[in-house]
N, C-alpha and C. Protein backbone atom coordinates (compact mmCIF):
# COMPACT_ATOMS: atom_id res chain seq x y z
N MET A 1 88.52 -120.49 53.14
CA MET A 1 89.84 -120.53 53.38
C MET A 1 90.09 -120.94 54.81
N SER A 2 90.62 -122.07 55.06
CA SER A 2 90.89 -122.40 56.50
C SER A 2 92.36 -122.41 56.81
N HIS A 3 92.66 -121.99 57.96
CA HIS A 3 94.05 -121.93 58.48
C HIS A 3 94.19 -123.00 59.55
N SER A 4 95.34 -123.67 59.56
CA SER A 4 95.47 -124.63 60.63
C SER A 4 96.32 -123.97 61.75
N ILE A 5 95.64 -123.03 62.38
CA ILE A 5 96.30 -122.31 63.55
C ILE A 5 95.86 -123.19 64.74
N PRO A 6 96.85 -123.60 65.63
CA PRO A 6 96.41 -124.36 66.78
C PRO A 6 95.65 -123.44 67.70
N LEU A 7 94.51 -124.04 68.25
CA LEU A 7 93.68 -123.39 69.20
C LEU A 7 94.27 -123.46 70.55
N GLN A 8 94.70 -122.28 71.11
CA GLN A 8 95.26 -122.09 72.33
C GLN A 8 94.18 -121.74 73.40
N GLN A 9 94.09 -122.48 74.38
CA GLN A 9 93.04 -122.19 75.39
C GLN A 9 93.65 -122.20 76.77
N PRO A 10 93.06 -121.27 77.70
CA PRO A 10 93.58 -121.24 79.09
C PRO A 10 93.39 -122.67 79.75
N ARG A 11 94.25 -123.02 80.63
CA ARG A 11 94.13 -124.26 81.34
C ARG A 11 93.86 -123.90 82.81
N LEU A 12 93.10 -124.74 83.48
CA LEU A 12 92.62 -124.43 84.81
C LEU A 12 93.46 -125.16 85.82
N GLY A 13 94.09 -124.40 86.66
CA GLY A 13 94.81 -125.01 87.85
C GLY A 13 94.20 -124.62 89.13
N CYS A 14 94.84 -124.80 90.19
CA CYS A 14 94.35 -124.47 91.56
C CYS A 14 95.55 -124.56 92.50
N GLY A 15 95.37 -123.88 93.53
CA GLY A 15 96.39 -123.85 94.54
C GLY A 15 95.87 -123.41 95.83
N ALA A 16 96.64 -123.54 97.04
CA ALA A 16 96.26 -123.14 98.32
C ALA A 16 97.40 -122.57 99.08
N VAL A 17 97.13 -121.56 99.78
CA VAL A 17 97.98 -121.05 100.82
C VAL A 17 97.56 -121.86 102.14
N ILE A 18 98.54 -122.76 102.47
CA ILE A 18 98.25 -123.60 103.60
C ILE A 18 98.94 -122.93 104.78
N GLN A 19 98.14 -122.47 105.86
CA GLN A 19 98.65 -121.73 106.89
C GLN A 19 98.49 -122.53 108.18
N ARG A 20 99.61 -122.78 109.02
CA ARG A 20 99.47 -123.43 110.35
C ARG A 20 99.01 -122.36 111.31
N ALA A 21 98.57 -123.00 112.51
CA ALA A 21 98.15 -122.03 113.56
C ALA A 21 99.16 -121.09 114.07
N ASP A 22 100.50 -121.48 113.89
CA ASP A 22 101.53 -120.61 114.28
C ASP A 22 101.94 -119.42 113.17
N GLY A 23 101.15 -119.50 112.08
CA GLY A 23 101.23 -118.45 111.04
C GLY A 23 102.09 -118.94 109.88
N ALA A 24 102.93 -120.06 110.06
CA ALA A 24 103.77 -120.53 108.98
C ALA A 24 102.99 -121.05 107.77
N VAL A 25 103.54 -120.86 106.54
CA VAL A 25 102.78 -121.31 105.44
C VAL A 25 103.70 -122.45 104.74
N LEU A 26 103.03 -123.33 104.13
CA LEU A 26 103.78 -124.45 103.48
C LEU A 26 103.95 -124.14 102.03
N LEU A 27 105.19 -124.20 101.60
CA LEU A 27 105.56 -123.98 100.20
C LEU A 27 106.31 -125.18 99.66
N VAL A 28 106.19 -125.44 98.38
CA VAL A 28 106.84 -126.50 97.64
C VAL A 28 107.66 -125.94 96.56
N GLN A 29 108.82 -126.57 96.38
CA GLN A 29 109.74 -126.21 95.30
C GLN A 29 109.47 -127.01 94.05
N ARG A 30 109.11 -126.33 93.09
CA ARG A 30 108.69 -127.01 91.87
C ARG A 30 109.78 -127.68 91.02
N GLY A 31 109.51 -129.00 90.66
CA GLY A 31 110.49 -129.76 89.93
C GLY A 31 110.35 -129.76 88.47
N ARG A 32 109.22 -129.03 88.02
CA ARG A 32 108.77 -129.12 86.61
C ARG A 32 108.43 -127.66 86.13
N PRO A 33 108.59 -127.38 84.80
CA PRO A 33 108.06 -126.08 84.31
C PRO A 33 106.54 -126.14 84.37
N PRO A 34 105.88 -125.02 84.42
CA PRO A 34 106.45 -123.71 84.42
C PRO A 34 107.05 -123.38 85.77
N GLU A 35 107.89 -122.41 85.86
CA GLU A 35 108.49 -121.95 87.19
C GLU A 35 109.36 -123.05 87.91
N GLN A 36 109.95 -123.89 87.16
CA GLN A 36 110.78 -124.92 87.76
C GLN A 36 111.86 -124.30 88.74
N GLY A 37 112.03 -124.93 89.91
CA GLY A 37 112.90 -124.41 90.91
C GLY A 37 112.29 -123.34 91.79
N HIS A 38 111.18 -122.65 91.40
CA HIS A 38 110.61 -121.65 92.20
C HIS A 38 109.89 -122.30 93.40
N TRP A 39 109.63 -121.55 94.48
CA TRP A 39 108.89 -122.06 95.63
C TRP A 39 107.44 -121.52 95.36
N GLY A 40 106.48 -122.52 95.53
CA GLY A 40 105.11 -122.21 95.16
C GLY A 40 104.14 -122.80 96.16
N LEU A 41 102.88 -122.76 95.79
CA LEU A 41 101.81 -123.27 96.59
C LEU A 41 101.51 -124.73 96.20
N PRO A 42 101.08 -125.65 97.06
CA PRO A 42 100.66 -126.90 96.65
C PRO A 42 99.42 -126.75 95.86
N GLY A 43 99.24 -127.56 94.75
CA GLY A 43 98.13 -127.50 93.92
C GLY A 43 98.38 -128.22 92.60
N GLY A 44 97.51 -127.98 91.66
CA GLY A 44 97.73 -128.67 90.31
C GLY A 44 96.63 -128.38 89.43
N LYS A 45 96.38 -129.30 88.52
CA LYS A 45 95.41 -129.22 87.53
C LYS A 45 94.00 -129.65 88.05
N VAL A 46 92.95 -129.06 87.55
CA VAL A 46 91.65 -129.36 87.84
C VAL A 46 91.21 -130.29 86.80
N ASP A 47 90.63 -131.50 87.23
CA ASP A 47 90.18 -132.46 86.29
C ASP A 47 88.84 -132.17 85.63
N PHE A 48 88.56 -132.66 84.52
CA PHE A 48 87.29 -132.38 83.81
C PHE A 48 86.16 -132.94 84.79
N MET A 49 85.11 -132.03 84.93
CA MET A 49 83.96 -132.31 85.77
C MET A 49 84.32 -132.46 87.31
N GLU A 50 85.36 -131.84 87.67
CA GLU A 50 85.74 -131.75 89.13
C GLU A 50 85.58 -130.36 89.61
N LYS A 51 84.99 -130.29 90.81
CA LYS A 51 84.88 -128.96 91.41
C LYS A 51 86.20 -128.44 91.77
N VAL A 52 86.46 -127.16 91.59
CA VAL A 52 87.83 -126.56 91.91
C VAL A 52 88.26 -126.81 93.28
N GLU A 53 87.26 -126.54 94.28
CA GLU A 53 87.60 -126.88 95.70
C GLU A 53 87.93 -128.36 95.98
N ASP A 54 87.32 -129.22 95.36
CA ASP A 54 87.60 -130.62 95.42
C ASP A 54 89.00 -130.92 94.88
N ALA A 55 89.35 -130.27 93.80
CA ALA A 55 90.64 -130.48 93.19
C ALA A 55 91.84 -129.96 94.13
N VAL A 56 91.50 -128.80 94.82
CA VAL A 56 92.52 -128.25 95.80
C VAL A 56 92.70 -129.39 96.89
N VAL A 57 91.61 -129.88 97.48
CA VAL A 57 91.80 -130.83 98.55
C VAL A 57 92.51 -132.06 98.01
N ARG A 58 92.19 -132.63 96.82
CA ARG A 58 92.81 -133.80 96.33
C ARG A 58 94.28 -133.60 96.05
N GLU A 59 94.62 -132.45 95.35
CA GLU A 59 96.04 -132.11 95.08
C GLU A 59 96.93 -131.95 96.36
N ILE A 60 96.39 -131.33 97.39
CA ILE A 60 97.11 -131.13 98.59
C ILE A 60 97.39 -132.55 99.18
N GLN A 61 96.35 -133.39 99.20
CA GLN A 61 96.55 -134.67 99.81
C GLN A 61 97.55 -135.50 99.02
N GLU A 62 97.47 -135.42 97.66
CA GLU A 62 98.38 -136.16 96.86
C GLU A 62 99.84 -135.70 97.07
N GLU A 63 99.99 -134.40 97.06
CA GLU A 63 101.35 -133.84 97.16
C GLU A 63 102.02 -133.88 98.51
N THR A 64 101.24 -133.65 99.58
CA THR A 64 101.72 -133.38 100.95
C THR A 64 101.14 -134.38 102.01
N GLY A 65 100.22 -135.13 101.71
CA GLY A 65 99.61 -136.01 102.72
C GLY A 65 98.59 -135.35 103.65
N LEU A 66 98.49 -133.99 103.59
CA LEU A 66 97.62 -133.31 104.50
C LEU A 66 96.18 -133.48 104.05
N GLN A 67 95.37 -133.70 105.10
CA GLN A 67 93.87 -133.74 104.76
C GLN A 67 93.32 -132.29 105.18
N VAL A 68 92.79 -131.61 104.26
CA VAL A 68 92.47 -130.20 104.49
C VAL A 68 90.97 -129.89 104.13
N ARG A 69 90.51 -128.80 104.61
CA ARG A 69 89.22 -128.26 104.20
C ARG A 69 89.47 -126.87 103.71
N VAL A 70 88.86 -126.39 102.61
CA VAL A 70 89.11 -125.09 102.07
C VAL A 70 88.23 -124.08 102.98
N GLU A 71 89.00 -122.92 103.32
CA GLU A 71 88.28 -121.95 104.14
C GLU A 71 87.67 -120.84 103.20
N ARG A 72 88.50 -120.26 102.34
CA ARG A 72 87.94 -119.15 101.45
C ARG A 72 88.87 -118.99 100.25
N LEU A 73 88.24 -118.37 99.23
CA LEU A 73 89.05 -117.95 98.05
C LEU A 73 89.89 -116.68 98.36
N LEU A 74 91.12 -116.79 98.05
CA LEU A 74 92.00 -115.58 98.27
C LEU A 74 92.09 -114.74 97.03
N CYS A 75 92.33 -115.31 95.84
CA CYS A 75 92.42 -114.61 94.63
C CYS A 75 92.35 -115.62 93.40
N VAL A 76 92.31 -115.00 92.17
CA VAL A 76 92.39 -115.89 91.02
C VAL A 76 93.54 -115.26 90.24
N VAL A 77 94.53 -116.24 89.84
CA VAL A 77 95.82 -115.68 89.33
C VAL A 77 95.68 -116.11 87.73
N ASP A 78 96.07 -115.07 86.90
CA ASP A 78 96.26 -115.37 85.47
C ASP A 78 97.87 -115.54 85.28
N HIS A 79 98.26 -116.63 84.82
CA HIS A 79 99.67 -116.96 84.75
C HIS A 79 99.92 -117.19 83.27
N PHE A 80 100.72 -116.26 82.58
CA PHE A 80 101.06 -116.37 81.24
C PHE A 80 102.43 -116.85 81.04
N GLU A 81 102.66 -117.93 80.27
CA GLU A 81 103.98 -118.54 79.93
C GLU A 81 104.11 -118.55 78.37
N PRO A 82 104.29 -117.37 77.72
CA PRO A 82 104.35 -117.40 76.28
C PRO A 82 105.40 -118.38 75.72
N ALA A 83 106.54 -118.49 76.36
CA ALA A 83 107.62 -119.32 75.84
C ALA A 83 107.15 -120.83 75.81
N LEU A 84 106.26 -121.20 76.74
CA LEU A 84 105.78 -122.52 76.77
C LEU A 84 104.44 -122.72 76.05
N GLY A 85 103.92 -121.57 75.53
CA GLY A 85 102.55 -121.57 74.91
C GLY A 85 101.44 -121.86 75.92
N GLN A 86 101.62 -121.44 77.10
CA GLN A 86 100.65 -121.76 78.17
C GLN A 86 100.08 -120.54 78.82
N HIS A 87 98.81 -120.62 79.14
CA HIS A 87 98.08 -119.64 79.93
C HIS A 87 97.26 -120.48 81.02
N TRP A 88 97.56 -120.16 82.25
CA TRP A 88 96.93 -120.86 83.32
C TRP A 88 96.06 -119.89 84.15
N VAL A 89 94.87 -120.28 84.47
CA VAL A 89 93.98 -119.58 85.32
C VAL A 89 93.93 -120.42 86.60
N ALA A 90 94.21 -119.80 87.71
CA ALA A 90 94.32 -120.57 88.97
C ALA A 90 93.66 -119.85 90.14
N PRO A 91 92.53 -120.32 90.52
CA PRO A 91 91.99 -119.85 91.90
C PRO A 91 92.93 -120.31 93.06
N VAL A 92 93.15 -119.48 93.90
CA VAL A 92 94.03 -119.68 95.06
C VAL A 92 93.24 -119.49 96.33
N TYR A 93 93.25 -120.60 97.14
CA TYR A 93 92.38 -120.77 98.29
C TYR A 93 93.22 -120.62 99.55
N LEU A 94 92.50 -120.33 100.74
CA LEU A 94 93.18 -120.34 102.03
C LEU A 94 92.75 -121.63 102.79
N VAL A 95 93.71 -122.37 103.28
CA VAL A 95 93.43 -123.55 104.06
C VAL A 95 94.27 -123.34 105.33
N ARG A 96 93.62 -123.66 106.46
CA ARG A 96 94.35 -123.56 107.74
C ARG A 96 94.46 -124.96 108.39
N VAL A 97 95.56 -125.22 108.98
CA VAL A 97 95.91 -126.50 109.58
C VAL A 97 96.40 -126.26 111.03
N PRO A 98 96.29 -127.30 111.90
CA PRO A 98 96.88 -127.18 113.26
C PRO A 98 98.40 -126.91 113.25
N ALA A 99 98.91 -126.34 114.30
CA ALA A 99 100.42 -126.12 114.38
C ALA A 99 101.16 -127.33 114.36
N THR A 100 100.53 -128.43 114.66
CA THR A 100 101.22 -129.79 114.65
C THR A 100 101.10 -130.58 113.41
N ALA A 101 100.55 -129.92 112.37
CA ALA A 101 100.38 -130.54 111.03
C ALA A 101 101.80 -130.88 110.51
N GLN A 102 101.84 -132.19 109.97
CA GLN A 102 103.07 -132.76 109.42
C GLN A 102 102.82 -132.96 107.92
N ALA A 103 103.61 -132.28 107.12
CA ALA A 103 103.45 -132.49 105.61
C ALA A 103 104.61 -133.36 105.20
N GLU A 104 104.35 -134.11 104.09
CA GLU A 104 105.50 -134.93 103.52
C GLU A 104 105.46 -134.83 102.09
N ARG A 105 106.73 -134.92 101.48
CA ARG A 105 106.85 -134.82 100.06
C ARG A 105 106.50 -136.08 99.36
N ARG A 106 105.25 -136.18 98.80
CA ARG A 106 104.69 -137.40 98.26
C ARG A 106 104.92 -137.64 96.77
N GLU A 107 105.31 -136.48 96.04
CA GLU A 107 105.50 -136.55 94.59
C GLU A 107 106.90 -136.03 94.32
N PRO A 108 107.95 -136.86 94.58
CA PRO A 108 109.33 -136.35 94.44
C PRO A 108 109.78 -135.95 92.97
N GLU A 109 109.01 -136.55 91.95
CA GLU A 109 109.35 -136.22 90.65
C GLU A 109 108.77 -134.74 90.34
N ALA A 110 107.84 -134.27 90.95
CA ALA A 110 107.24 -132.97 90.76
C ALA A 110 107.59 -131.90 91.78
N ILE A 111 108.01 -132.39 92.98
CA ILE A 111 108.39 -131.53 94.05
C ILE A 111 109.72 -131.77 94.53
N LEU A 112 110.66 -130.79 94.37
CA LEU A 112 112.04 -130.96 94.85
C LEU A 112 112.19 -130.96 96.37
N ALA A 113 111.36 -130.08 97.07
CA ALA A 113 111.36 -129.92 98.51
C ALA A 113 110.04 -129.29 98.95
N LEU A 114 109.81 -129.46 100.25
CA LEU A 114 108.71 -128.63 100.84
C LEU A 114 109.18 -128.27 102.20
N ALA A 115 108.66 -127.14 102.72
CA ALA A 115 108.99 -126.67 103.99
C ALA A 115 107.96 -125.63 104.42
N TRP A 116 107.95 -125.37 105.77
CA TRP A 116 107.08 -124.35 106.38
C TRP A 116 107.87 -123.08 106.52
N PHE A 117 107.38 -121.91 106.18
CA PHE A 117 108.10 -120.64 106.27
C PHE A 117 107.09 -119.68 106.99
N GLN A 118 107.77 -118.77 107.81
CA GLN A 118 106.97 -117.72 108.36
C GLN A 118 106.80 -116.60 107.24
N PRO A 119 105.72 -116.00 107.11
CA PRO A 119 105.39 -114.99 106.03
C PRO A 119 106.49 -113.89 105.96
N ASP A 120 107.24 -113.59 107.00
CA ASP A 120 108.31 -112.55 106.97
C ASP A 120 109.65 -113.14 106.59
N ALA A 121 109.78 -114.52 106.26
CA ALA A 121 110.94 -115.20 106.11
C ALA A 121 110.75 -116.13 104.87
N LEU A 122 110.26 -115.67 103.75
CA LEU A 122 109.93 -116.57 102.57
C LEU A 122 111.21 -116.82 101.71
N PRO A 123 111.25 -117.93 101.12
CA PRO A 123 112.38 -118.26 100.19
C PRO A 123 112.17 -117.48 98.85
N ALA A 124 113.18 -117.51 98.01
CA ALA A 124 113.10 -116.89 96.65
C ALA A 124 113.75 -117.90 95.74
N PRO A 125 113.33 -117.88 94.48
CA PRO A 125 112.20 -117.04 93.95
C PRO A 125 110.83 -117.76 94.28
N LEU A 126 109.80 -117.02 94.33
CA LEU A 126 108.43 -117.40 94.51
C LEU A 126 107.66 -117.51 93.18
N THR A 127 106.81 -118.47 93.07
CA THR A 127 105.91 -118.46 91.89
C THR A 127 105.00 -117.31 91.82
N ARG A 128 104.48 -117.04 90.64
CA ARG A 128 103.39 -115.97 90.62
C ARG A 128 102.21 -116.25 91.52
N SER A 129 101.67 -117.41 91.54
CA SER A 129 100.53 -117.71 92.38
C SER A 129 100.86 -117.59 93.80
N ALA A 130 102.04 -117.99 94.31
CA ALA A 130 102.47 -117.81 95.67
C ALA A 130 102.53 -116.36 96.02
N THR A 131 103.23 -115.66 95.08
CA THR A 131 103.35 -114.18 95.39
C THR A 131 102.02 -113.51 95.61
N GLU A 132 101.11 -113.72 94.61
CA GLU A 132 99.82 -113.16 94.72
C GLU A 132 98.95 -113.63 95.89
N GLY A 133 98.99 -115.01 96.02
CA GLY A 133 98.17 -115.59 97.16
C GLY A 133 98.65 -115.10 98.58
N LEU A 134 99.95 -115.03 98.77
CA LEU A 134 100.54 -114.60 100.05
C LEU A 134 100.22 -113.02 100.26
N ALA A 135 100.19 -112.35 99.14
CA ALA A 135 99.91 -110.86 99.25
C ALA A 135 98.44 -110.74 99.76
N ARG A 136 97.55 -111.54 99.25
CA ARG A 136 96.13 -111.53 99.60
C ARG A 136 95.94 -112.00 101.01
N LEU A 137 96.77 -112.87 101.46
CA LEU A 137 96.66 -113.40 102.91
C LEU A 137 96.78 -112.33 103.86
N SER A 138 97.72 -111.42 103.64
CA SER A 138 97.98 -110.33 104.63
C SER A 138 97.08 -109.02 104.31
N ALA A 139 96.38 -109.09 103.26
CA ALA A 139 95.65 -107.83 102.90
C ALA A 139 94.31 -107.85 103.69
N PRO A 140 93.78 -106.68 104.06
CA PRO A 140 92.53 -106.62 104.78
C PRO A 140 91.40 -107.26 103.89
N ARG A 141 90.48 -107.89 104.46
CA ARG A 141 89.37 -108.50 103.81
C ARG A 141 88.26 -107.41 103.37
């Protein structure tokens, strides 16, 4: 007896807390679900046979124009979106850039806005991965 139940599998995303030398972090306002309108971390989907750290570097370049190098893993976020039938697993990395780093909004259909924020003056609402990643940024190692 076979049932035609759709196979639901987690999807792999990635993101990065991008921090300037002055302490500010770069956040992007999401233009698409999940969490449309929320402020989050630059990042996206990991492609098949792509290293996660390479995906982080690629996604940041595609979204913001910044050329970055991953410093370290901050956390891994499990993000459940039952209403959308989605489960995302997203490693979140730390990336540091010079205080003079200039980011630009390169994917206007996916990103409504981007801006630098000091960690004590963050916008709301934040995405789950931004909330967890920024919490780990200030936590002792």
